[in-house]
Amino acid sequence: MLKNLYLGALSMFLICGVFTTAISGQKSFVYAQEKPSQENEKTPYVLRIMFFRGVDINTVSNLISVIETYNTPERIEIYMSSFGGNPEAALVAYNYLTSLPIEVHTYNLGHIASAATVIFCAGDKRYASPRSSFLFHELKVSFSGEDRTENYGRYLDYYDLQKKRTNSAIKQCSQFSDSELNVMYTDGKVLSAENAKTSGYVTGITNTMPTSQARLVYIVGDQLKDGFPPFR
């Protein structure tokens, strides 16, 4: 499954069910309920992933690493609560997940914002808890230090391209029009689960986790930037 699709240099080690990913000198950790083996891969199963982090090169690389390590589950379920992060990393996750020959379900367990709304959109089926919410806002660009004047035009061109790519992904999984998306992003729109379902962005509202046989994996980092504790 797209073994060569990774962000940056990626090294993966499997030690007692704990995956350690090293990227550009940064560390993040994935805690697995059980390590995969040829023996237990013979039984059909669901790969259930808990993604309670920001969106960046580390967490997206972890997400891809886990899916590549667990051989051919019958379905992937990604449970999310994320305040977003890097839009480029989000698009890598979106492109990867939508390319898989496996059904992907995404779940909003709390609040999904910014770049994380793109990853959520990658689900073939997209569920939200009754009291969950979604935040859409404009891409943010910041300039610091000195730079050549002609580069600012390139930055603005990239900003416009990134906005079009993000809008394209969101439109693929919803009934939002271009004008509606522009208003949502400009105003910093927050949608309830019910409002998101009306637009088709959410396909179902549920407070019940599926009971199918699943391998459970947590995606976590070594820094608590978004306030969620690591699972131990």
C-alpha atoms as a PDB file:
ATOM      1  CA  MET A   1       0.000   0.000   0.000  1.00  0.00           C
ATOM      2  CA  LEU A   2       1.974   2.952  -1.308  1.00  0.00           C
ATOM      3  CA  LYS A   3       5.102   1.988   0.639  1.00  0.00           C
ATOM      4  CA  ASN A   4       7.035   4.957  -0.684  1.00  0.00           C
ATOM      5  CA  LEU A   5       4.543   7.649   0.280  1.00  0.00           C
ATOM      6  CA  TYR A   6       6.112   9.296   3.331  1.00  0.00           C
ATOM      7  CA  LEU A   7       6.919  12.783   4.535  1.00  0.00           C
ATOM      8  CA  GLY A   8      10.657  13.385   4.783  1.00  0.00           C
ATOM      9  CA  ALA A   9      13.052  10.716   6.005  1.00  0.00           C
ATOM     10  CA  LEU A  10      11.139   8.096   7.965  1.00  0.00           C
ATOM     11  CA  SER A  11      12.617   5.317  10.132  1.00  0.00           C
ATOM     12  CA  MET A  12      10.313   2.888  11.848  1.00  0.00           C
ATOM     13  CA  PHE A  13      11.100   0.366  14.559  1.00  0.00           C
ATOM     14  CA  LEU A  14       8.800  -2.213  16.133  1.00  0.00           C
ATOM     15  CA  ILE A  15       9.682  -2.957  19.773  1.00  0.00           C
ATOM     16  CA  CYS A  16       7.162  -4.771  22.002  1.00  0.00           C
ATOM     17  CA  GLY A  17       4.214  -3.182  20.279  1.00  0.00           C
ATOM     18  CA  VAL A  18       5.602   0.371  20.570  1.00  0.00           C
ATOM     19  CA  PHE A  19       6.401   2.214  17.338  1.00  0.00           C
ATOM     20  CA  THR A  20       9.038   4.948  17.524  1.00  0.00           C
ATOM     21  CA  THR A  21       9.258   7.304  14.568  1.00  0.00           C
ATOM     22  CA  ALA A  22      12.262   9.584  14.111  1.00  0.00           C
ATOM     23  CA  ILE A  23      11.857  12.490  11.690  1.00  0.00           C
ATOM     24  CA  SER A  24      14.385  15.279  11.302  1.00  0.00           C
ATOM     25  CA  GLY A  25      15.617  14.794  14.844  1.00  0.00           C
ATOM     26  CA  GLN A  26      12.126  15.006  16.360  1.00  0.00           C
ATOM     27  CA  LYS A  27      10.525  12.143  18.260  1.00  0.00           C
ATOM     28  CA  SER A  28       6.950  11.049  18.576  1.00  0.00           C
ATOM     29  CA  PHE A  29       5.491   7.801  19.764  1.00  0.00           C
ATOM     30  CA  VAL A  30       2.728   5.416  18.789  1.00  0.00           C
ATOM     31  CA  TYR A  31       1.423   3.068  21.449  1.00  0.00           C
ATOM     32  CA  ALA A  32      -0.181  -0.107  20.109  1.00  0.00           C
ATOM     33  CA  GLN A  33      -2.473  -2.460  21.972  1.00  0.00           C
ATOM     34  CA  GLU A  34      -0.728  -5.389  20.327  1.00  0.00           C
ATOM     35  CA  LYS A  35       2.009  -5.734  17.756  1.00  0.00           C
ATOM     36  CA  PRO A  36       1.105  -7.208  14.361  1.00  0.00           C
ATOM     37  CA  SER A  37       2.285 -10.686  13.452  1.00  0.00           C
ATOM     38  CA  GLN A  38       1.769 -13.084  10.573  1.00  0.00           C
ATOM     39  CA  GLU A  39      -0.299 -15.288  12.840  1.00  0.00           C
ATOM     40  CA  ASN A  40      -2.921 -12.737  13.918  1.00  0.00           C
ATOM     41  CA  GLU A  41      -3.064 -11.017  10.508  1.00  0.00           C
ATOM     42  CA  LYS A  42      -4.957 -14.042   9.140  1.00  0.00           C
ATOM     43  CA  THR A  43      -8.147 -13.079  10.989  1.00  0.00           C
ATOM     44  CA  PRO A  44     -10.201 -10.188   9.514  1.00  0.00           C
ATOM     45  CA  TYR A  45     -10.068  -7.166  11.787  1.00  0.00           C
ATOM     46  CA  VAL A  46     -10.648  -3.409  12.017  1.00  0.00           C
ATOM     47  CA  LEU A  47      -7.706  -1.083  12.585  1.00  0.00           C
ATOM     48  CA  ARG A  48      -8.904   1.540  15.096  1.00  0.00           C
ATOM     49  CA  ILE A  49      -6.685   4.627  15.487  1.00  0.00           C
ATOM     50  CA  MET A  50      -7.021   7.361  18.115  1.00  0.00           C
ATOM     51  CA  PHE A  51      -5.693  10.668  16.751  1.00  0.00           C
ATOM     52  CA  PHE A  52      -5.759  13.234  19.565  1.00  0.00           C
ATOM     53  CA  ARG A  53      -2.920  15.468  18.426  1.00  0.00           C
ATOM     54  CA  GLY A  54      -2.179  18.480  16.295  1.00  0.00           C
ATOM     55  CA  VAL A  55      -1.580  18.011  12.569  1.00  0.00           C
ATOM     56  CA  ASP A  56       2.106  18.142  11.640  1.00  0.00           C
ATOM     57  CA  ILE A  57       4.824  16.143   9.912  1.00  0.00           C
ATOM     58  CA  ASN A  58       5.272  13.926  12.993  1.00  0.00           C
ATOM     59  CA  THR A  59       1.660  12.929  13.581  1.00  0.00           C
ATOM     60  CA  VAL A  60       0.864  12.432   9.888  1.00  0.00           C
ATOM     61  CA  SER A  61       3.986  10.285   9.445  1.00  0.00           C
ATOM     62  CA  ASN A  62       2.897   8.253  12.476  1.00  0.00           C
ATOM     63  CA  LEU A  63      -0.550   7.804  10.983  1.00  0.00           C
ATOM     64  CA  ILE A  64       0.882   6.530   7.695  1.00  0.00           C
ATOM     65  CA  SER A  65       3.408   4.312   9.488  1.00  0.00           C
ATOM     66  CA  VAL A  66       0.735   2.582  11.548  1.00  0.00           C
ATOM     67  CA  ILE A  67      -1.482   1.863   8.555  1.00  0.00           C
ATOM     68  CA  GLU A  68       1.462   0.536   6.526  1.00  0.00           C
ATOM     69  CA  THR A  69       2.554  -1.699   9.407  1.00  0.00           C
ATOM     70  CA  TYR A  70      -0.818  -3.359   9.986  1.00  0.00           C
ATOM     71  CA  ASN A  71      -1.322  -5.547   6.956  1.00  0.00           C
ATOM     72  CA  THR A  72      -4.625  -5.145   5.103  1.00  0.00           C
ATOM     73  CA  PRO A  73      -7.347  -4.593   7.710  1.00  0.00           C
ATOM     74  CA  GLU A  74     -10.889  -4.856   6.400  1.00  0.00           C
ATOM     75  CA  ARG A  75     -11.608  -1.291   7.577  1.00  0.00           C
ATOM     76  CA  ILE A  76      -9.770   1.629   9.170  1.00  0.00           C
ATOM     77  CA  GLU A  77     -11.486   3.743  11.834  1.00  0.00           C
ATOM     78  CA  ILE A  78      -9.856   7.029  12.854  1.00  0.00           C
ATOM     79  CA  TYR A  79     -11.214   8.660  16.025  1.00  0.00           C
ATOM     80  CA  MET A  80     -10.220  12.315  16.175  1.00  0.00           C
ATOM     81  CA  SER A  81     -10.153  15.425  18.292  1.00  0.00           C
ATOM     82  CA  SER A  82      -7.645  17.940  16.996  1.00  0.00           C
ATOM     83  CA  PHE A  83      -7.173  21.697  16.864  1.00  0.00           C
ATOM     84  CA  GLY A  84      -5.462  21.386  13.482  1.00  0.00           C
ATOM     85  CA  GLY A  85      -2.026  22.552  12.442  1.00  0.00           C
ATOM     86  CA  ASN A  86      -0.074  22.323   9.197  1.00  0.00           C
ATOM     87  CA  PRO A  87      -2.326  22.376   6.083  1.00  0.00           C
ATOM     88  CA  GLU A  88       0.352  20.714   3.925  1.00  0.00           C
ATOM     89  CA  ALA A  89       0.610  17.787   6.336  1.00  0.00           C
ATOM     90  CA  ALA A  90      -3.192  17.540   6.391  1.00  0.00           C
ATOM     91  CA  LEU A  91      -3.314  17.261   2.599  1.00  0.00           C
ATOM     92  CA  VAL A  92      -0.666  14.514   2.668  1.00  0.00           C
ATOM     93  CA  ALA A  93      -2.849  12.561   5.114  1.00  0.00           C
ATOM     94  CA  TYR A  94      -5.957  13.241   2.991  1.00  0.00           C
ATOM     95  CA  ASN A  95      -4.287  12.134  -0.256  1.00  0.00           C
ATOM     96  CA  TYR A  96      -2.898   9.022   1.400  1.00  0.00           C
ATOM     97  CA  LEU A  97      -6.148   7.946   3.084  1.00  0.00           C
ATOM     98  CA  THR A  98      -8.289   8.523  -0.018  1.00  0.00           C
ATOM     99  CA  SER A  99      -5.869   6.451  -2.116  1.00  0.00           C
ATOM    100  CA  LEU A 100      -6.219   3.326   0.036  1.00  0.00           C
ATOM    101  CA  PRO A 101      -8.168   0.337  -1.347  1.00  0.00           C
ATOM    102  CA  ILE A 102      -9.726  -0.043   2.118  1.00  0.00           C
ATOM    103  CA  GLU A 103     -12.816   1.645   3.531  1.00  0.00           C
ATOM    104  CA  VAL A 104     -11.927   4.459   5.935  1.00  0.00           C
ATOM    105  CA  HIS A 105     -14.304   5.796   8.606  1.00  0.00           C
ATOM    106  CA  THR A 106     -13.552   8.987  10.533  1.00  0.00           C
ATOM    107  CA  TYR A 107     -15.129  10.011  13.855  1.00  0.00           C
ATOM    108  CA  ASN A 108     -15.226  13.381  15.614  1.00  0.00           C
ATOM    109  CA  LEU A 109     -15.131  12.686  19.345  1.00  0.00           C
ATOM    110  CA  GLY A 110     -14.912  16.313  20.456  1.00  0.00           C
ATOM    111  CA  HIS A 111     -13.669  19.213  18.352  1.00  0.00           C
ATOM    112  CA  ILE A 112     -12.045  19.163  14.918  1.00  0.00           C
ATOM    113  CA  ALA A 113     -10.618  22.433  13.654  1.00  0.00           C
ATOM    114  CA  SER A 114      -8.544  24.008  10.917  1.00  0.00           C
ATOM    115  CA  ALA A 115      -6.289  21.556   9.042  1.00  0.00           C
ATOM    116  CA  ALA A 116      -7.825  18.573  10.874  1.00  0.00           C
ATOM    117  CA  THR A 117     -11.121  19.164   9.004  1.00  0.00           C
ATOM    118  CA  VAL A 118      -9.320  18.029   5.842  1.00  0.00           C
ATOM    119  CA  ILE A 119      -8.183  14.735   7.404  1.00  0.00           C
ATOM    120  CA  PHE A 120     -11.707  14.111   8.732  1.00  0.00           C
ATOM    121  CA  CYS A 121     -12.979  14.623   5.193  1.00  0.00           C
ATOM    122  CA  ALA A 122     -10.925  11.641   3.961  1.00  0.00           C
ATOM    123  CA  GLY A 123     -13.404   9.192   5.506  1.00  0.00           C
ATOM    124  CA  ASP A 124     -15.674   7.232   3.187  1.00  0.00           C
ATOM    125  CA  LYS A 125     -18.102   7.530   6.086  1.00  0.00           C
ATOM    126  CA  ARG A 126     -17.782  10.387   8.565  1.00  0.00           C
ATOM    127  CA  TYR A 127     -19.380  10.310  11.998  1.00  0.00           C
ATOM    128  CA  ALA A 128     -19.675  12.864  14.780  1.00  0.00           C
ATOM    129  CA  SER A 129     -20.601  12.615  18.439  1.00  0.00           C
ATOM    130  CA  PRO A 130     -23.804  14.532  19.316  1.00  0.00           C
ATOM    131  CA  ARG A 131     -21.941  17.284  21.206  1.00  0.00           C
ATOM    132  CA  SER A 132     -18.981  17.578  18.841  1.00  0.00           C
ATOM    133  CA  SER A 133     -18.111  20.597  16.699  1.00  0.00           C
ATOM    134  CA  PHE A 134     -16.062  21.688  13.691  1.00  0.00           C
ATOM    135  CA  LEU A 135     -14.161  24.940  13.095  1.00  0.00           C
ATOM    136  CA  PHE A 136     -13.341  26.272   9.625  1.00  0.00           C
ATOM    137  CA  HIS A 137     -11.162  29.363   9.243  1.00  0.00           C
ATOM    138  CA  GLU A 138      -8.899  31.120   6.777  1.00  0.00           C
ATOM    139  CA  LEU A 139      -5.364  29.893   6.215  1.00  0.00           C
ATOM    140  CA  LYS A 140      -2.858  31.941   8.159  1.00  0.00           C
ATOM    141  CA  VAL A 141       0.384  33.266   6.703  1.00  0.00           C
ATOM    142  CA  SER A 142       2.995  35.038   8.819  1.00  0.00           C
ATOM    143  CA  PHE A 143       6.141  36.832   7.696  1.00  0.00           C
ATOM    144  CA  SER A 144       9.150  37.332   9.928  1.00  0.00           C
ATOM    145  CA  GLY A 145      12.599  38.758   9.336  1.00  0.00           C
ATOM    146  CA  GLU A 146      13.930  40.147   6.101  1.00  0.00           C
ATOM    147  CA  ASP A 147      13.043  38.785   2.688  1.00  0.00           C
ATOM    148  CA  ARG A 148      13.245  39.834  -0.941  1.00  0.00           C
ATOM    149  CA  THR A 149      10.252  41.840  -2.147  1.00  0.00           C
ATOM    150  CA  GLU A 150       9.563  39.536  -5.109  1.00  0.00           C
ATOM    151  CA  ASN A 151       9.165  36.561  -2.758  1.00  0.00           C
ATOM    152  CA  TYR A 152       5.989  37.980  -1.214  1.00  0.00           C
ATOM    153  CA  GLY A 153       4.185  37.512  -4.514  1.00  0.00           C
ATOM    154  CA  ARG A 154       5.213  33.862  -4.512  1.00  0.00           C
ATOM    155  CA  TYR A 155       3.937  33.473  -0.964  1.00  0.00           C
ATOM    156  CA  LEU A 156       0.558  34.903  -1.952  1.00  0.00           C
ATOM    157  CA  ASP A 157       0.406  32.592  -4.978  1.00  0.00           C
ATOM    158  CA  TYR A 158       1.105  29.636  -2.710  1.00  0.00           C
ATOM    159  CA  TYR A 159      -1.576  30.831  -0.292  1.00  0.00           C
ATOM    160  CA  ASP A 160      -4.148  30.936  -3.112  1.00  0.00           C
ATOM    161  CA  LEU A 161      -3.104  27.479  -4.328  1.00  0.00           C
ATOM    162  CA  GLN A 162      -3.314  26.018  -0.829  1.00  0.00           C
ATOM    163  CA  LYS A 163      -6.782  27.512  -0.360  1.00  0.00           C
ATOM    164  CA  LYS A 164      -7.985  25.983  -3.645  1.00  0.00           C
ATOM    165  CA  ARG A 165      -6.572  22.569  -2.716  1.00  0.00           C
ATOM    166  CA  THR A 166      -8.210  22.689   0.712  1.00  0.00           C
ATOM    167  CA  ASN A 167     -11.556  23.815  -0.731  1.00  0.00           C
ATOM    168  CA  SER A 168     -11.393  21.022  -3.300  1.00  0.00           C
ATOM    169  CA  ALA A 169     -10.942  18.390  -0.583  1.00  0.00           C
ATOM    170  CA  ILE A 170     -13.795  19.749   1.560  1.00  0.00           C
ATOM    171  CA  LYS A 171     -16.141  19.953  -1.447  1.00  0.00           C
ATOM    172  CA  GLN A 172     -15.438  16.288  -2.266  1.00  0.00           C
ATOM    173  CA  CYS A 173     -17.071  15.202   0.994  1.00  0.00           C
ATOM    174  CA  SER A 174     -19.812  17.804   1.372  1.00  0.00           C
ATOM    175  CA  GLN A 175     -22.424  19.861  -0.399  1.00  0.00           C
ATOM    176  CA  PHE A 176     -20.771  23.209   0.369  1.00  0.00           C
ATOM    177  CA  SER A 177     -20.586  25.609  -2.554  1.00  0.00           C
ATOM    178  CA  ASP A 178     -17.563  27.812  -3.220  1.00  0.00           C
ATOM    179  CA  SER A 179     -19.403  30.852  -1.884  1.00  0.00           C
ATOM    180  CA  GLU A 180     -20.441  29.015   1.288  1.00  0.00           C
ATOM    181  CA  LEU A 181     -16.873  27.870   1.913  1.00  0.00           C
ATOM    182  CA  ASN A 182     -15.539  31.396   1.384  1.00  0.00           C
ATOM    183  CA  VAL A 183     -17.978  32.754   3.977  1.00  0.00           C
ATOM    184  CA  MET A 184     -17.187  29.931   6.413  1.00  0.00           C
ATOM    185  CA  TYR A 185     -13.444  30.503   6.173  1.00  0.00           C
ATOM    186  CA  THR A 186     -13.695  34.287   6.331  1.00  0.00           C
ATOM    187  CA  ASP A 187     -16.027  34.271   9.344  1.00  0.00           C
ATOM    188  CA  GLY A 188     -14.293  31.444  11.220  1.00  0.00           C
ATOM    189  CA  LYS A 189     -17.434  29.311  11.163  1.00  0.00           C
ATOM    190  CA  VAL A 190     -18.140  26.761  13.895  1.00  0.00           C
ATOM    191  CA  LEU A 191     -20.529  23.960  12.932  1.00  0.00           C
ATOM    192  CA  SER A 192     -22.385  21.660  15.285  1.00  0.00           C
ATOM    193  CA  ALA A 193     -22.672  17.978  14.417  1.00  0.00           C
ATOM    194  CA  GLU A 194     -26.244  18.588  13.250  1.00  0.00           C
ATOM    195  CA  ASN A 195     -25.263  21.476  10.968  1.00  0.00           C
ATOM    196  CA  ALA A 196     -22.374  19.485   9.541  1.00  0.00           C
ATOM    197  CA  LYS A 197     -24.716  16.575   8.800  1.00  0.00           C
ATOM    198  CA  THR A 198     -27.152  18.859   6.967  1.00  0.00           C
ATOM    199  CA  SER A 199     -24.354  19.846   4.586  1.00  0.00           C
ATOM    200  CA  GLY A 200     -23.273  16.247   3.998  1.00  0.00           C
ATOM    201  CA  TYR A 201     -19.892  16.857   5.626  1.00  0.00           C
ATOM    202  CA  VAL A 202     -20.962  14.410   8.365  1.00  0.00           C
ATOM    203  CA  THR A 203     -22.755  11.255   7.237  1.00  0.00           C
ATOM    204  CA  GLY A 204     -24.023  10.210  10.659  1.00  0.00           C
ATOM    205  CA  ILE A 205     -24.298  11.302  14.283  1.00  0.00           C
ATOM    206  CA  THR A 206     -23.609   8.620  16.848  1.00  0.00           C
ATOM    207  CA  ASN A 207     -22.512   8.243  20.454  1.00  0.00           C
ATOM    208  CA  THR A 208     -21.838   4.522  20.114  1.00  0.00           C
ATOM    209  CA  MET A 209     -18.476   3.050  19.209  1.00  0.00           C
ATOM    210  CA  PRO A 210     -18.679   0.052  16.848  1.00  0.00           C
ATOM    211  CA  THR A 211     -18.300  -3.296  18.612  1.00  0.00           C
ATOM    212  CA  SER A 212     -16.453  -5.070  15.786  1.00  0.00           C
ATOM    213  CA  GLN A 213     -13.153  -6.827  16.505  1.00  0.00           C
ATOM    214  CA  ALA A 214     -10.455  -4.146  16.362  1.00  0.00           C
ATOM    215  CA  ARG A 215      -6.774  -3.579  16.913  1.00  0.00           C
ATOM    216  CA  LEU A 216      -6.445  -0.353  18.897  1.00  0.00           C
ATOM    217  CA  VAL A 217      -3.609   2.112  18.260  1.00  0.00           C
ATOM    218  CA  TYR A 218      -2.960   5.513  19.841  1.00  0.00           C
ATOM    219  CA  ILE A 219      -1.144   8.271  17.974  1.00  0.00           C
ATOM    220  CA  VAL A 220       0.548  10.524  20.512  1.00  0.00           C
ATOM    221  CA  GLY A 221       3.527  12.855  20.781  1.00  0.00           C
ATOM    222  CA  ASP A 222       6.184  13.598  23.364  1.00  0.00           C
ATOM    223  CA  GLN A 223       4.954  17.174  23.907  1.00  0.00           C
ATOM    224  CA  LEU A 224       1.473  18.043  25.152  1.00  0.00           C
ATOM    225  CA  LYS A 225       0.889  20.984  22.839  1.00  0.00           C
ATOM    226  CA  ASP A 226      -2.873  20.569  22.626  1.00  0.00           C
ATOM    227  CA  GLY A 227      -3.590  19.569  26.187  1.00  0.00           C
ATOM    228  CA  PHE A 228      -4.248  15.857  25.754  1.00  0.00           C
ATOM    229  CA  PRO A 229      -2.267  13.483  27.981  1.00  0.00           C
ATOM    230  CA  PRO A 230      -0.340  10.592  26.384  1.00  0.00           C
ATOM    231  CA  PHE A 231      -1.831   7.144  26.714  1.00  0.00           C
ATOM    232  CA  ARG A 232       0.374   4.822  28.764  1.00  0.00           C
END
